[in-house]
Amino acid sequence: MLETNLLKELIYNDEKPSISVLLETASTKEIRIVFKKGQVMTKHQTPYPITVELFEGELNFGVNTQKYHLEKGSLVALDGGTPHDLEAITDCIVRLTLSKQDRVQRVKDVIK
């Protein structure tokens, strides 16, 4: 059994969103991204499917050319190769589920 907590050891970085690996399973990597209001992840894509859960806050989630307003509790699944971006309307806690084959460094590279 693996166990973690989305709310422990939160870091709200003033310059850019904060990324931390919560745990890795046999098939996924669970990542926490902590945004301060106004912070963004620019348009990017992954070669693998992802799931995004907005655990806390509100954000605008862009998919291709569409913008979606997500609120606490929203859950989004995207196929690999789908361009997307995020902009925090309020302070946010996002849980990102990556394929085991995907790299955490790729996510960190989006936040420069």
Protein backbone atom coordinates (compact mmCIF):
# COMPACT_ATOMS: atom_id res chain seq x y z
CA MET A 1 0.00 0.00 0.00
CA LEU A 2 1.11 3.53 -0.80
CA GLU A 3 -0.28 6.55 1.03
CA THR A 4 0.14 10.31 0.69
CA ASN A 5 -1.71 13.54 1.43
CA LEU A 6 -2.36 16.37 -1.05
CA LEU A 7 -2.38 18.92 1.77
CA LYS A 8 0.90 18.09 3.54
CA GLU A 9 4.03 20.16 2.91
CA LEU A 10 2.34 22.60 0.49
CA ILE A 11 4.68 25.10 -1.14
CA TYR A 12 3.21 28.22 -2.77
CA ASN A 13 6.14 29.53 -4.81
CA ASP A 14 5.98 33.26 -5.64
CA GLU A 15 7.75 32.92 -9.02
CA LYS A 16 6.14 29.83 -10.56
CA PRO A 17 3.88 26.87 -9.76
CA SER A 18 5.40 24.30 -7.42
CA ILE A 19 5.58 20.67 -8.55
CA SER A 20 6.09 17.64 -6.35
CA VAL A 21 5.80 13.91 -6.90
CA LEU A 22 3.30 12.48 -4.42
CA LEU A 23 3.76 8.81 -5.28
CA GLU A 24 4.42 6.35 -8.06
CA THR A 25 2.43 3.19 -8.68
CA ALA A 26 3.04 0.35 -11.10
CA SER A 27 1.17 2.28 -13.82
CA THR A 28 1.06 5.99 -12.86
CA LYS A 29 2.87 8.92 -11.31
CA GLU A 30 0.78 11.16 -9.07
CA ILE A 31 1.95 14.77 -9.17
CA ARG A 32 0.81 17.81 -7.17
CA ILE A 33 1.01 21.25 -8.78
CA VAL A 34 0.43 24.22 -6.48
CA PHE A 35 -0.45 27.52 -8.15
CA LYS A 36 -0.68 30.98 -6.70
CA LYS A 37 -3.38 33.19 -8.22
CA GLY A 38 -2.34 34.37 -11.70
CA GLN A 39 0.32 31.72 -12.32
CA VAL A 40 0.18 29.78 -15.59
CA MET A 41 1.41 26.69 -17.36
CA THR A 42 1.82 27.63 -21.00
CA LYS A 43 0.41 25.53 -23.82
CA HIS A 44 2.01 22.11 -23.93
CA GLN A 45 1.14 18.48 -24.59
CA THR A 46 2.17 15.02 -23.49
CA PRO A 47 2.61 11.90 -25.58
CA TYR A 48 0.50 9.95 -23.05
CA PRO A 49 -3.01 10.34 -21.65
CA ILE A 50 -3.32 12.39 -18.43
CA THR A 51 -5.93 13.05 -15.76
CA VAL A 52 -6.17 16.44 -14.04
CA GLU A 53 -8.08 16.94 -10.79
CA LEU A 54 -8.63 20.42 -9.41
CA PHE A 55 -8.49 19.64 -5.69
CA GLU A 56 -8.73 23.26 -4.54
CA GLY A 57 -9.39 26.63 -6.21
CA GLU A 58 -10.50 27.80 -9.66
CA LEU A 59 -8.61 27.85 -12.93
CA ASN A 60 -9.04 28.34 -16.65
CA PHE A 61 -8.12 25.18 -18.53
CA GLY A 62 -7.41 25.63 -22.21
CA VAL A 63 -7.78 22.68 -24.57
CA ASN A 64 -6.77 23.42 -28.16
CA THR A 65 -8.55 26.77 -28.71
CA GLN A 66 -11.35 26.29 -26.12
CA LYS A 67 -11.21 27.65 -22.55
CA TYR A 68 -12.99 25.85 -19.69
CA HIS A 69 -13.62 27.24 -16.22
CA LEU A 70 -12.79 24.56 -13.66
CA GLU A 71 -13.78 24.69 -10.01
CA LYS A 72 -12.83 22.67 -6.95
CA GLY A 73 -13.60 19.01 -7.60
CA SER A 74 -13.39 19.20 -11.41
CA LEU A 75 -11.81 16.19 -13.12
CA VAL A 76 -10.50 16.24 -16.70
CA ALA A 77 -9.02 13.43 -18.82
CA LEU A 78 -7.03 14.20 -21.96
CA ASP A 79 -5.63 11.94 -24.65
CA GLY A 80 -1.93 12.18 -25.42
CA GLY A 81 -1.03 14.86 -27.95
CA THR A 82 -3.80 17.26 -26.86
CA PRO A 83 -2.50 20.85 -26.47
CA HIS A 84 -3.57 22.39 -23.16
CA ASP A 85 -2.72 25.24 -20.78
CA LEU A 86 -3.68 26.30 -17.25
CA GLU A 87 -4.17 29.69 -15.60
CA ALA A 88 -4.94 29.98 -11.88
CA ILE A 89 -7.86 32.29 -11.10
CA THR A 90 -7.31 31.68 -7.37
CA ASP A 91 -4.66 29.80 -5.41
CA CYS A 92 -5.01 26.18 -6.61
CA ILE A 93 -3.97 22.65 -5.79
CA VAL A 94 -3.95 20.36 -8.85
CA ARG A 95 -3.44 16.61 -8.86
CA LEU A 96 -1.97 15.37 -12.13
CA THR A 97 -1.92 11.68 -13.00
CA LEU A 98 0.77 10.78 -15.52
CA SER A 99 1.45 7.51 -17.28
CA LYS A 100 4.39 5.62 -15.80
CA GLN A 101 6.18 6.12 -19.15
CA ASP A 102 5.90 9.92 -18.91
CA ARG A 103 8.61 12.03 -17.27
CA VAL A 104 8.09 14.41 -14.34
CA GLN A 105 10.90 16.55 -15.76
CA ARG A 106 8.76 17.19 -18.85
CA VAL A 107 6.13 18.78 -16.59
CA LYS A 108 8.75 20.82 -14.76
CA ASP A 109 10.14 22.05 -18.11
CA VAL A 110 6.74 23.59 -18.95
CA ILE A 111 7.06 25.81 -15.86
CA LYS A 112 10.12 27.93 -16.55
